[in-house]
Amino acid sequence: MNEEPPSISAEPGRLGIRKKIKDRIKVIYQNFSYKPKNKQELAGSIRDSSERGVLEKGTLNMIEGALRVSTDQVRDIMIPRPQMIFVDSEERPTEFLPRIIKSSHSRFPVINADTDEIEGILLAKDLLPYLSSENIKDFELSSIIRPATLIPESKKLNLLLDELRMNKNHMAIVLDEYGGITGLVTVEDVLEEIVGEIEDEHDNNPDILIKELSKDEFLVSALIPIDEFNITFNSNLSDKDFDTLGGIVMHHLARFPKPNDAITIDNLRFVINSIERRSIKEIKVSKLK
């Protein structure tokens, strides 16, 4: 019986074979391992993971929202100028307090009506010391307003969120390329792009499809069925190709809508009031005379 130990010279050969096998496995893994090349491919890969049960739907929605925030701009989600509730720098508390109380908001832009320039942000809580008749005579709006954060319409939402968080601000005023005020945006607006609509006790009832603003002006949900809209407004919009008012307005615009975009159909004027997740949310409808 040969008791001689295995030759040491055989070890390098075994190691070489093992290395070749490991290298081959690595090549096979790399060939079958998918690496997204851009955000669109990454989004598709994430959706595929959700369909295979790897991700829950809620997690998928938040990841997709985070991807949108990294590409979308402020102009895509801002509250347009006509919808802003603001305080004129020359107003007295008796003039603007009813408006502030009715809105239930906590922050208000302060604008100089003569120059149309933003002077600051008024926090509702800063008005509390002046609610008594004794202190109201000492009220000076300029002494309690906070500095405003001014941003361009083209600012990316992820950069805005970082800036607001770093400076501990909750609101920013949006300016166009000429320095004019075009709207405002809040931290909540950006977060809703990631986690979805954040409802609170002051939000409007989503079941209300039509809200009368004046005798000839209404705020209408884009999801209202066309037949219901026709009955209410005595109109004849076709429901052959679209089920909702938003679908018809989008079709007539022939492009992705932006806040304040307007079209006229028959004797009705439609103005995009708000947009949510790249779809029309509310439309201001006016009866033309």
Protein backbone atom coordinates (compact mmCIF):
# COMPACT_ATOMS: atom_id res chain seq x y z
CA MET A 1 0.00 0.00 0.00
CA ASN A 2 1.43 3.36 -1.03
CA GLU A 3 1.50 5.72 1.98
CA GLU A 4 3.13 8.56 0.05
CA PRO A 5 1.22 11.88 0.49
CA PRO A 6 -0.28 13.60 -2.53
CA SER A 7 2.21 15.56 -4.53
CA ILE A 8 2.37 19.25 -3.62
CA SER A 9 2.88 20.01 -7.27
CA ALA A 10 -0.80 19.09 -7.92
CA GLU A 11 -2.16 21.92 -5.73
CA PRO A 12 -1.50 24.76 -8.19
CA GLY A 13 -3.46 22.85 -10.80
CA ARG A 14 -6.45 22.43 -8.52
CA LEU A 15 -6.34 26.12 -7.58
CA GLY A 16 -6.18 27.06 -11.24
CA ILE A 17 -9.29 24.99 -12.01
CA ARG A 18 -11.19 26.53 -9.10
CA LYS A 19 -10.24 30.02 -10.25
CA LYS A 20 -11.41 29.26 -13.79
CA ILE A 21 -14.75 27.98 -12.43
CA LYS A 22 -15.23 31.05 -10.23
CA ASP A 23 -14.37 33.38 -13.12
CA ARG A 24 -16.81 31.54 -15.37
CA ILE A 25 -19.59 31.80 -12.78
CA LYS A 26 -18.83 35.50 -12.42
CA VAL A 27 -19.16 36.03 -16.18
CA ILE A 28 -22.46 34.11 -16.26
CA TYR A 29 -23.79 36.16 -13.32
CA GLN A 30 -22.80 39.43 -15.00
CA ASN A 31 -24.52 38.37 -18.23
CA PHE A 32 -27.76 37.64 -16.42
CA SER A 33 -27.60 40.43 -13.86
CA TYR A 34 -29.65 43.41 -15.10
CA LYS A 35 -28.31 46.89 -14.34
CA PRO A 36 -30.63 49.81 -15.25
CA LYS A 37 -28.88 52.45 -17.34
CA ASN A 38 -31.27 55.34 -16.58
CA LYS A 39 -34.21 56.30 -14.36
CA GLN A 40 -36.78 55.03 -16.85
CA GLU A 41 -35.20 51.57 -16.88
CA LEU A 42 -34.90 51.67 -13.08
CA ALA A 43 -38.62 52.50 -12.78
CA GLY A 44 -39.46 49.61 -15.10
CA SER A 45 -37.31 47.24 -13.05
CA ILE A 46 -39.02 48.37 -9.85
CA ARG A 47 -42.48 47.84 -11.34
CA ASP A 48 -41.40 44.37 -12.47
CA SER A 49 -40.30 43.60 -8.90
CA SER A 50 -43.73 44.69 -7.66
CA GLU A 51 -45.49 42.44 -10.16
CA ARG A 52 -43.38 39.51 -8.94
CA GLY A 53 -44.40 40.22 -5.36
CA VAL A 54 -41.00 41.48 -4.20
CA LEU A 55 -42.37 44.95 -3.40
CA GLU A 56 -45.73 45.91 -1.95
CA LYS A 57 -47.85 48.36 -3.94
CA GLY A 58 -47.52 51.10 -1.33
CA THR A 59 -43.73 50.81 -1.38
CA LEU A 60 -43.76 50.83 -5.18
CA ASN A 61 -45.80 54.05 -5.23
CA MET A 62 -43.40 55.80 -2.86
CA ILE A 63 -40.32 54.71 -4.84
CA GLU A 64 -41.92 55.94 -8.07
CA GLY A 65 -42.83 59.17 -6.31
CA ALA A 66 -39.24 59.64 -5.17
CA LEU A 67 -38.07 59.14 -8.76
CA ARG A 68 -40.55 61.77 -9.97
CA VAL A 69 -39.33 64.23 -7.37
CA SER A 70 -35.80 63.84 -8.74
CA THR A 71 -36.91 64.89 -12.24
CA ASP A 72 -40.02 67.08 -11.88
CA GLN A 73 -39.80 70.84 -11.50
CA VAL A 74 -41.54 73.30 -9.20
CA ARG A 75 -43.83 74.51 -12.03
CA ASP A 76 -45.32 70.98 -12.17
CA ILE A 77 -46.84 71.11 -8.69
CA MET A 78 -46.93 74.76 -7.57
CA ILE A 79 -50.10 76.51 -6.45
CA PRO A 80 -50.60 79.15 -9.18
CA ARG A 81 -50.84 82.86 -8.38
CA PRO A 82 -54.66 83.12 -8.82
CA GLN A 83 -55.14 80.51 -6.07
CA MET A 84 -52.74 82.07 -3.59
CA ILE A 85 -54.21 83.48 -0.39
CA PHE A 86 -51.97 86.38 0.55
CA VAL A 87 -51.87 89.51 2.67
CA ASP A 88 -51.39 92.99 1.21
CA SER A 89 -48.58 94.74 3.04
CA GLU A 90 -50.82 97.81 3.53
CA GLU A 91 -53.78 95.91 5.01
CA ARG A 92 -54.82 96.18 8.63
CA PRO A 93 -55.64 93.09 10.70
CA THR A 94 -59.37 93.84 10.53
CA GLU A 95 -59.11 93.51 6.75
CA PHE A 96 -57.07 90.33 6.37
CA LEU A 97 -57.98 88.37 9.54
CA PRO A 98 -61.36 87.13 8.20
CA ARG A 99 -59.58 85.83 5.09
CA ILE A 100 -56.91 84.09 7.14
CA ILE A 101 -59.45 82.47 9.48
CA LYS A 102 -61.58 81.25 6.58
CA SER A 103 -58.60 79.68 4.78
CA SER A 104 -57.40 77.66 7.82
CA HIS A 105 -53.83 77.95 6.50
CA SER A 106 -50.86 78.64 8.74
CA ARG A 107 -48.59 80.67 6.41
CA PHE A 108 -49.37 83.56 4.07
CA PRO A 109 -47.22 85.47 1.58
CA VAL A 110 -47.13 89.21 2.23
CA ILE A 111 -47.11 91.13 -1.06
CA ASN A 112 -46.72 94.82 -1.81
CA ALA A 113 -49.66 95.50 -4.11
CA ASP A 114 -48.02 98.57 -5.65
CA THR A 115 -44.76 96.91 -6.69
CA ASP A 116 -46.04 93.30 -6.80
CA GLU A 117 -43.02 92.24 -4.79
CA ILE A 118 -42.94 89.69 -2.00
CA GLU A 119 -42.05 91.24 1.36
CA GLY A 120 -42.12 88.15 3.53
CA ILE A 121 -44.18 85.34 5.04
CA LEU A 122 -46.77 85.85 7.77
CA LEU A 123 -47.27 83.01 10.24
CA ALA A 124 -50.77 82.87 11.68
CA LYS A 125 -49.39 82.05 15.14
CA ASP A 126 -47.48 85.35 15.17
CA LEU A 127 -50.82 87.17 15.17
CA LEU A 128 -51.96 85.67 18.49
CA PRO A 129 -50.45 88.38 20.71
CA TYR A 130 -52.37 91.03 18.74
CA LEU A 131 -55.82 89.49 18.98
CA SER A 132 -56.70 91.51 22.06
CA SER A 133 -58.02 95.02 21.54
CA GLU A 134 -55.29 96.34 23.85
CA ASN A 135 -52.40 95.16 21.67
CA ILE A 136 -53.90 95.71 18.23
CA LYS A 137 -52.97 99.40 18.25
CA ASP A 138 -49.28 98.39 18.39
CA PHE A 139 -49.56 96.07 15.38
CA GLU A 140 -46.96 96.51 12.64
CA LEU A 141 -47.02 93.84 9.93
CA SER A 142 -43.44 94.52 8.87
CA SER A 143 -42.18 93.72 12.38
CA ILE A 144 -43.53 90.16 12.52
CA ILE A 145 -43.19 88.79 9.00
CA ARG A 146 -40.48 86.23 8.28
CA PRO A 147 -38.04 86.26 5.32
CA ALA A 148 -39.42 84.53 2.21
CA THR A 149 -37.64 81.82 0.25
CA LEU A 150 -37.70 82.70 -3.46
CA ILE A 151 -37.19 80.00 -6.09
CA PRO A 152 -37.44 79.72 -9.89
CA GLU A 153 -40.14 77.67 -11.61
CA SER A 154 -37.48 75.38 -13.07
CA LYS A 155 -36.04 74.23 -9.73
CA LYS A 156 -36.00 70.45 -9.31
CA LEU A 157 -38.25 69.20 -6.52
CA ASN A 158 -35.56 67.14 -4.80
CA LEU A 159 -33.31 70.21 -4.60
CA LEU A 160 -36.21 72.27 -3.27
CA LEU A 161 -36.95 69.70 -0.57
CA ASP A 162 -33.30 69.72 0.53
CA GLU A 163 -33.27 73.54 0.62
CA LEU A 164 -36.48 73.84 2.62
CA ARG A 165 -35.35 71.20 5.08
CA MET A 166 -31.91 72.76 5.51
CA ASN A 167 -33.34 76.24 6.11
CA LYS A 168 -36.28 74.93 8.18
CA ASN A 169 -38.81 76.58 5.87
CA HIS A 170 -42.22 75.20 4.96
CA MET A 171 -43.08 77.46 2.03
CA ALA A 172 -41.33 78.99 -0.97
CA ILE A 173 -42.50 81.69 -3.39
CA VAL A 174 -42.13 80.82 -7.06
CA LEU A 175 -40.85 83.43 -9.52
CA ASP A 176 -40.79 83.41 -13.31
CA GLU A 177 -37.77 84.33 -15.43
CA TYR A 178 -38.64 88.03 -15.13
CA GLY A 179 -38.90 87.96 -11.34
CA GLY A 180 -42.69 88.04 -11.24
CA ILE A 181 -44.62 85.99 -8.68
CA THR A 182 -46.22 82.98 -10.37
CA GLY A 183 -47.18 80.83 -7.39
CA LEU A 184 -46.07 79.13 -4.21
CA VAL A 185 -45.07 75.65 -3.13
CA THR A 186 -44.97 73.99 0.30
CA VAL A 187 -43.15 71.05 1.82
CA GLU A 188 -46.48 69.21 1.89
CA ASP A 189 -46.85 69.66 -1.87
CA VAL A 190 -43.49 67.96 -2.46
CA LEU A 191 -44.10 65.17 0.06
CA GLU A 192 -47.47 64.41 -1.53
CA GLU A 193 -45.60 63.62 -4.76
CA ILE A 194 -43.86 60.82 -2.83
CA VAL A 195 -46.46 59.47 -0.41
CA GLY A 196 -49.70 60.54 -2.12
CA GLU A 197 -52.42 62.95 -1.06
CA ILE A 198 -52.17 64.07 2.59
CA GLU A 199 -55.66 64.83 3.82
CA ASP A 200 -56.38 66.88 6.92
CA GLU A 201 -59.50 68.13 8.67
CA HIS A 202 -59.49 71.33 6.62
CA ASP A 203 -59.25 69.73 3.18
CA ASN A 204 -62.26 69.95 0.92
CA ASN A 205 -64.58 66.96 0.77
CA PRO A 206 -63.35 64.88 -2.20
CA ASP A 207 -66.91 63.66 -2.84
CA ILE A 208 -68.00 67.18 -3.82
CA LEU A 209 -67.59 67.29 -7.59
CA ILE A 210 -68.88 70.83 -8.20
CA LYS A 211 -68.32 73.85 -5.97
CA GLU A 212 -69.98 77.15 -6.86
CA LEU A 213 -67.59 80.12 -6.67
CA SER A 214 -69.99 82.70 -8.07
CA LYS A 215 -73.09 82.88 -10.23
CA ASP A 216 -71.19 82.00 -13.41
CA GLU A 217 -68.01 80.38 -12.07
CA PHE A 218 -67.53 76.91 -10.61
CA LEU A 219 -64.71 74.70 -9.36
CA VAL A 220 -65.23 71.24 -10.85
CA SER A 221 -63.47 67.93 -10.20
CA ALA A 222 -61.75 66.58 -13.32
CA LEU A 223 -63.22 63.16 -12.44
CA ILE A 224 -66.84 64.24 -12.85
CA PRO A 225 -68.60 61.99 -15.39
CA ILE A 226 -69.39 63.82 -18.61
CA ASP A 227 -73.11 62.98 -18.49
CA GLU A 228 -73.37 64.46 -14.99
CA PHE A 229 -71.47 67.56 -16.11
CA ASN A 230 -73.78 68.00 -19.12
CA ILE A 231 -76.88 67.80 -16.94
CA THR A 232 -75.56 70.37 -14.48
CA PHE A 233 -74.29 72.86 -17.07
CA ASN A 234 -76.86 72.15 -19.77
CA SER A 235 -74.02 71.35 -22.19
CA ASN A 236 -73.48 68.77 -24.92
CA LEU A 237 -69.95 67.49 -24.39
CA SER A 238 -69.48 64.14 -26.11
CA ASP A 239 -68.88 61.08 -23.95
CA LYS A 240 -68.08 58.87 -26.94
CA ASP A 241 -64.29 58.80 -26.43
CA PHE A 242 -63.93 60.08 -22.85
CA ASP A 243 -65.65 59.32 -19.55
CA THR A 244 -64.61 62.36 -17.50
CA LEU A 245 -64.32 66.10 -17.93
CA GLY A 246 -60.55 65.88 -17.38
CA GLY A 247 -60.23 63.57 -20.37
CA ILE A 248 -62.01 65.99 -22.69
CA VAL A 249 -60.00 69.00 -21.50
CA MET A 250 -56.73 67.08 -21.87
CA HIS A 251 -57.74 66.06 -25.40
CA HIS A 252 -58.49 69.63 -26.46
CA LEU A 253 -55.22 70.92 -25.02
CA ALA A 254 -53.35 68.28 -27.08
CA ARG A 255 -50.43 68.34 -24.62
CA PHE A 256 -49.66 67.83 -20.97
CA PRO A 257 -51.58 70.57 -19.09
CA LYS A 258 -50.15 73.18 -16.75
CA PRO A 259 -51.94 75.25 -14.10
CA ASN A 260 -53.82 78.21 -15.63
CA ASP A 261 -53.96 76.64 -19.11
CA ALA A 262 -57.32 77.60 -20.60
CA ILE A 263 -59.56 76.49 -23.45
CA THR A 264 -63.07 77.36 -24.58
CA ILE A 265 -65.58 74.73 -25.67
CA ASP A 266 -68.97 75.95 -26.88
CA ASN A 267 -70.01 78.64 -24.37
CA LEU A 268 -67.87 77.38 -21.50
CA ARG A 269 -64.34 78.39 -20.53
CA PHE A 270 -62.17 75.80 -18.78
CA VAL A 271 -59.10 76.81 -16.76
CA ILE A 272 -56.78 74.21 -15.19
CA ASN A 273 -56.97 74.94 -11.48
CA SER A 274 -54.73 72.22 -10.07
CA ILE A 275 -52.75 69.17 -11.16
CA GLU A 276 -51.84 66.09 -9.16
CA ARG A 277 -49.49 63.30 -10.20
CA ARG A 278 -49.42 64.45 -13.83
CA SER A 279 -53.18 64.48 -14.20
CA ILE A 280 -55.76 67.25 -13.96
CA LYS A 281 -57.35 67.47 -10.50
CA GLU A 282 -59.65 70.50 -10.61
CA ILE A 283 -60.96 72.72 -13.39
CA LYS A 284 -62.45 76.19 -13.06
CA VAL A 285 -65.50 76.39 -15.34
CA SER A 286 -66.96 79.77 -16.35
CA LYS A 287 -70.15 80.40 -18.29
CA LEU A 288 -69.53 82.83 -21.12
CA LYS A 289 -72.18 85.42 -21.84
